[in-house]
Amino acid sequence: MQRPQAALRNGLAQGTAGVVASLRARAPRVHCITNDVAQNFTANVLLAAGAMPSMTLSPEEIGAFVAGAQALLVNLGTFDAKRREAASIAVATATHKHLPWVLDPVFVDRAPPRAAFALDLIRLGPSVVRLNHVEFFALSANEPSRDAILSFARSHRTVVALSGETDLVTDGERIAAIANGHPYMAKVTALGCAGSALLAACLAVEQDAFRAAVSALAIMGVAGELAGAGAAGPGSFAVGIVDALHGLNEATLVARAKVS
């Protein structure tokens, strides 16, 4: 008989493979509010994974684009008045349409107004908040311990996907660690932003936000390992991870996913 944790690990690994299959079968549309420096790479990552990106920020158009999408990413990277307005319209539309959305509160540690806006967005109920240790501290005033992220997820009724040497995902009750990845992933501009967009795509095909987040981080981590094996440096790695995502198959994911 499998122990509960082993059963959870195997179930999450198998579920990740199913998410990849669903992405390719359903080609979900993902609208991305993201960094200027991240748009091209993010679009290529989504296309390689099987999703369809859109990126408009126009107040006149963004409502219609989000309404026609299956998921939304709100990334606060190169944040300005135009993106603030676009984010407000996009989140209101996603809420009205009951669409899943991801908040990536990039650099909230750098400017208090950005952190305040991120907290306002969190109160609107993102499906997942994807962030790193420094960003978590800026939003919670707590070090990102296991208990702290569990508490944050419960109190805000969201899933927390915390990136680090080992990624952690929790919905306040369940928690999983994903240990896949490669050192070059920290050397490529926009890779984290693209990973959040991939998470949004996974939400479009997996209703359980916890499982979708685990799947996205495992998919990106395994692709990073495959790309890193043949890369001469960060430049070739950036190309290689797009190729790895495109060629990733279910059997490889199940075999390589380090989920616990």
Protein backbone atom coordinates (compact mmCIF):
# COMPACT_ATOMS: atom_id res chain seq x y z
CA MET A 1 0.00 0.00 0.00
CA GLN A 2 1.32 3.45 -0.93
CA ARG A 3 1.95 5.94 1.83
CA PRO A 4 -0.17 9.12 1.48
CA GLN A 5 2.81 11.33 0.52
CA ALA A 6 4.01 8.84 -2.09
CA ALA A 7 0.51 8.62 -3.51
CA LEU A 8 0.33 12.43 -3.64
CA ARG A 9 3.70 12.62 -5.40
CA ASN A 10 2.74 10.01 -7.98
CA GLY A 11 -0.64 11.61 -8.51
CA LEU A 12 0.88 15.05 -9.05
CA ALA A 13 3.49 13.69 -11.47
CA GLN A 14 0.84 11.87 -13.47
CA GLY A 15 -1.38 14.94 -13.35
CA THR A 16 1.45 17.09 -14.72
CA ALA A 17 1.72 14.79 -17.71
CA GLY A 18 -2.03 15.13 -18.21
CA VAL A 19 -1.77 18.92 -18.13
CA VAL A 20 0.83 18.84 -20.91
CA ALA A 21 -1.46 16.68 -23.01
CA SER A 22 -4.39 19.03 -22.37
CA LEU A 23 -2.37 22.11 -23.32
CA ARG A 24 -1.57 20.60 -26.69
CA ALA A 25 -5.08 19.30 -27.28
CA ARG A 26 -6.93 22.45 -26.24
CA ALA A 27 -4.46 25.27 -27.10
CA PRO A 28 -5.87 27.68 -24.49
CA ARG A 29 -5.70 31.41 -25.06
CA VAL A 30 -3.78 33.26 -22.36
CA HIS A 31 -3.81 37.03 -22.10
CA CYS A 32 -0.62 38.44 -20.61
CA ILE A 33 -0.02 41.78 -18.97
CA THR A 34 3.73 41.51 -18.59
CA ASN A 35 7.08 43.29 -18.86
CA ASP A 36 8.16 44.96 -22.07
CA VAL A 37 11.37 42.95 -21.80
CA ALA A 38 9.43 39.71 -21.32
CA GLN A 39 6.76 39.83 -23.98
CA ASN A 40 8.57 38.10 -26.86
CA PHE A 41 10.09 35.34 -24.73
CA THR A 42 6.80 34.80 -22.88
CA ALA A 43 4.91 34.43 -26.15
CA ASN A 44 7.43 31.90 -27.44
CA VAL A 45 7.25 29.85 -24.23
CA LEU A 46 3.45 29.73 -24.41
CA LEU A 47 3.49 28.74 -28.06
CA ALA A 48 6.08 26.02 -27.42
CA ALA A 49 3.93 24.60 -24.61
CA GLY A 50 0.83 24.56 -26.80
CA ALA A 51 -0.98 27.73 -25.66
CA MET A 52 -1.93 30.87 -27.61
CA PRO A 53 -0.71 34.22 -26.22
CA SER A 54 -2.09 37.72 -26.53
CA MET A 55 -0.50 40.86 -25.08
CA THR A 56 -2.50 44.03 -25.79
CA LEU A 57 -2.60 46.71 -23.09
CA SER A 58 -5.01 49.07 -24.83
CA PRO A 59 -7.88 50.08 -22.50
CA GLU A 60 -10.20 49.99 -25.49
CA GLU A 61 -9.31 46.38 -26.33
CA ILE A 62 -8.12 44.55 -23.27
CA GLY A 63 -11.57 43.75 -21.89
CA ALA A 64 -12.54 41.97 -25.10
CA PHE A 65 -9.20 40.13 -25.28
CA VAL A 66 -9.51 38.86 -21.70
CA ALA A 67 -13.16 37.90 -22.20
CA GLY A 68 -12.10 35.76 -25.15
CA ALA A 69 -9.22 34.11 -23.29
CA GLN A 70 -9.21 31.11 -20.98
CA ALA A 71 -6.73 32.57 -18.44
CA LEU A 72 -4.99 35.82 -17.49
CA LEU A 73 -1.52 36.77 -16.27
CA VAL A 74 -0.96 40.05 -14.42
CA ASN A 75 2.77 40.75 -14.06
CA LEU A 76 3.85 43.99 -12.37
CA GLY A 77 7.37 44.13 -13.82
CA THR A 78 7.68 47.27 -15.96
CA PHE A 79 4.71 48.82 -14.20
CA ASP A 80 3.35 52.18 -15.32
CA ALA A 81 0.02 54.01 -15.47
CA LYS A 82 -0.98 52.20 -18.66
CA ARG A 83 -0.35 48.77 -17.15
CA ARG A 84 -2.12 49.74 -13.93
CA GLU A 85 -5.24 50.69 -15.89
CA ALA A 86 -4.96 47.60 -18.06
CA ALA A 87 -4.60 45.36 -14.99
CA SER A 88 -7.69 46.85 -13.36
CA ILE A 89 -9.81 46.30 -16.49
CA ALA A 90 -8.40 42.82 -17.08
CA VAL A 91 -8.98 41.59 -13.52
CA ALA A 92 -12.51 43.00 -13.48
CA THR A 93 -13.23 41.16 -16.73
CA ALA A 94 -11.68 37.92 -15.50
CA THR A 95 -13.72 38.12 -12.30
CA HIS A 96 -16.93 38.74 -14.25
CA LYS A 97 -16.19 35.83 -16.59
CA HIS A 98 -14.98 33.53 -13.77
CA LEU A 99 -11.62 33.11 -15.48
CA PRO A 100 -8.53 31.93 -13.60
CA TRP A 101 -5.73 34.45 -13.26
CA VAL A 102 -2.18 34.63 -11.94
CA LEU A 103 -0.60 37.55 -10.13
CA ASP A 104 3.18 37.86 -10.46
CA PRO A 105 4.08 40.78 -8.12
CA VAL A 106 7.51 41.49 -9.57
CA PHE A 107 9.70 43.95 -7.62
CA VAL A 108 7.09 44.76 -4.97
CA ASP A 109 10.05 44.98 -2.60
CA ARG A 110 11.39 47.99 -4.54
CA ALA A 111 8.50 50.46 -4.23
CA PRO A 112 5.72 50.72 -1.59
CA PRO A 113 3.04 51.89 -4.10
CA ARG A 114 3.67 48.77 -6.18
CA ALA A 115 3.33 46.56 -3.10
CA ALA A 116 0.11 48.33 -2.10
CA PHE A 117 -1.37 47.77 -5.56
CA ALA A 118 -0.34 44.11 -5.45
CA LEU A 119 -2.14 43.68 -2.12
CA ASP A 120 -5.23 45.33 -3.62
CA LEU A 121 -5.10 42.81 -6.46
CA ILE A 122 -4.68 39.90 -4.05
CA ARG A 123 -7.90 40.98 -2.31
CA LEU A 124 -9.65 40.49 -5.66
CA GLY A 125 -8.88 36.77 -5.57
CA PRO A 126 -6.17 35.60 -7.98
CA SER A 127 -6.15 31.86 -8.51
CA VAL A 128 -2.39 31.80 -7.87
CA VAL A 129 0.16 34.28 -6.58
CA ARG A 130 3.57 33.42 -8.07
CA LEU A 131 6.48 35.12 -6.30
CA ASN A 132 9.97 34.74 -4.87
CA HIS A 133 11.21 34.92 -1.28
CA VAL A 134 11.91 38.67 -1.27
CA GLU A 135 8.52 39.48 -2.80
CA PHE A 136 6.76 37.24 -0.28
CA PHE A 137 8.41 39.11 2.59
CA ALA A 138 7.42 42.47 1.08
CA LEU A 139 3.76 41.43 0.90
CA SER A 140 3.47 39.48 4.14
CA ALA A 141 6.14 40.96 6.45
CA ASN A 142 7.12 37.37 7.21
CA GLU A 143 10.01 35.20 6.16
CA PRO A 144 8.79 32.55 3.70
CA SER A 145 8.71 29.58 6.05
CA ARG A 146 6.40 26.62 5.49
CA ASP A 147 3.98 27.90 8.14
CA ALA A 148 4.06 31.45 6.75
CA ILE A 149 3.14 30.49 3.21
CA LEU A 150 0.43 28.12 4.44
CA SER A 151 -1.04 30.95 6.50
CA PHE A 152 -0.80 33.46 3.63
CA ALA A 153 -2.59 31.07 1.25
CA ARG A 154 -5.34 30.37 3.76
CA SER A 155 -5.92 33.97 4.75
CA HIS A 156 -6.06 35.19 1.15
CA ARG A 157 -7.88 32.13 -0.20
CA THR A 158 -5.38 31.66 -2.97
CA VAL A 159 -2.60 29.33 -4.04
CA VAL A 160 0.95 30.47 -3.34
CA ALA A 161 3.67 29.35 -5.76
CA LEU A 162 6.97 30.31 -4.17
CA SER A 163 10.02 30.04 -6.39
CA GLY A 164 13.47 29.21 -5.03
CA GLU A 165 16.11 26.53 -5.10
CA THR A 166 13.20 24.24 -4.31
CA ASP A 167 9.82 25.62 -5.34
CA LEU A 168 6.90 25.37 -2.91
CA VAL A 169 3.19 25.36 -3.76
CA THR A 170 0.36 25.48 -1.25
CA ASP A 171 -3.35 26.20 -1.11
CA GLY A 172 -3.24 26.54 2.66
CA GLU A 173 -3.97 22.85 3.22
CA ARG A 174 -1.94 20.87 0.70
CA ILE A 175 1.72 21.65 0.12
CA ALA A 176 4.17 20.33 -2.46
CA ALA A 177 7.86 20.88 -3.17
CA ILE A 178 9.27 20.81 -6.72
CA ALA A 179 13.03 20.32 -6.95
CA ASN A 180 13.49 20.45 -10.73
CA GLY A 181 15.46 23.19 -12.49
CA HIS A 182 18.88 24.32 -13.66
CA PRO A 183 21.22 27.15 -12.54
CA TYR A 184 20.99 28.86 -15.94
CA MET A 185 17.31 29.57 -15.22
CA ALA A 186 18.44 32.46 -13.02
CA LYS A 187 20.58 33.86 -15.86
CA VAL A 188 17.91 34.38 -18.53
CA THR A 189 15.85 37.57 -18.55
CA ALA A 190 12.09 36.99 -18.48
CA LEU A 191 12.22 33.28 -17.69
CA GLY A 192 10.34 33.78 -14.42
CA CYS A 193 7.75 35.94 -16.15
CA ALA A 194 7.31 33.31 -18.84
CA GLY A 195 6.93 30.67 -16.14
CA SER A 196 4.04 32.62 -14.63
CA ALA A 197 2.39 32.78 -18.05
CA LEU A 198 2.81 29.01 -18.38
CA LEU A 199 1.14 28.69 -14.98
CA ALA A 200 -1.82 30.69 -16.30
CA ALA A 201 -2.00 28.33 -19.28
CA CYS A 202 -2.06 25.34 -16.93
CA LEU A 203 -4.94 26.95 -15.00
CA ALA A 204 -6.87 27.10 -18.26
CA VAL A 205 -6.82 23.29 -18.57
CA GLU A 206 -6.72 22.22 -14.89
CA GLN A 207 -9.46 23.48 -12.57
CA ASP A 208 -7.56 22.61 -9.37
CA ALA A 209 -5.29 25.64 -9.00
CA PHE A 210 -2.94 23.77 -6.64
CA ARG A 211 -2.39 21.01 -9.18
CA ALA A 212 -2.08 23.50 -12.03
CA ALA A 213 0.65 25.40 -10.16
CA VAL A 214 2.57 22.23 -9.32
CA SER A 215 2.32 21.16 -12.96
CA ALA A 216 3.58 24.49 -14.30
CA LEU A 217 6.62 24.58 -12.02
CA ALA A 218 7.47 20.95 -12.74
CA ILE A 219 7.08 21.43 -16.50
CA MET A 220 9.35 24.47 -16.52
CA GLY A 221 11.86 22.83 -14.19
CA VAL A 222 12.13 19.64 -16.23
CA ALA A 223 12.42 21.66 -19.44
CA GLY A 224 15.22 23.65 -17.78
CA GLU A 225 17.10 20.48 -16.91
CA LEU A 226 16.79 19.17 -20.46
CA ALA A 227 17.90 22.50 -21.94
CA GLY A 228 20.78 22.83 -19.50
CA ALA A 229 22.19 19.46 -20.46
CA GLY A 230 22.99 20.73 -23.95
CA ALA A 231 23.61 24.43 -23.33
CA ALA A 232 26.98 26.15 -23.64
CA GLY A 233 25.74 29.10 -21.58
CA PRO A 234 22.67 31.23 -20.84
CA GLY A 235 22.21 32.28 -24.48
CA SER A 236 21.92 28.79 -25.89
CA PHE A 237 19.96 27.80 -22.79
CA ALA A 238 17.28 30.41 -23.57
CA VAL A 239 16.78 28.87 -27.01
CA GLY A 240 17.07 25.36 -25.63
CA ILE A 241 14.34 25.71 -23.04
CA VAL A 242 11.84 26.79 -25.71
CA ASP A 243 12.83 23.73 -27.75
CA ALA A 244 12.63 21.52 -24.65
CA LEU A 245 9.12 22.73 -23.86
CA HIS A 246 8.06 22.06 -27.43
CA GLY A 247 9.45 18.51 -27.36
CA LEU A 248 8.50 17.59 -23.79
CA ASN A 249 6.52 14.38 -23.57
CA GLU A 250 4.41 12.85 -20.84
CA ALA A 251 6.75 9.93 -20.12
CA THR A 252 9.73 12.24 -19.59
CA LEU A 253 7.74 14.39 -17.19
CA VAL A 254 6.59 11.46 -15.10
CA ALA A 255 10.13 10.06 -14.98
CA ARG A 256 11.88 13.34 -14.13
CA ALA A 257 9.41 15.34 -12.04
CA LYS A 258 10.80 15.75 -8.51
CA VAL A 259 7.63 16.44 -6.60
CA SER A 260 7.32 15.72 -2.89
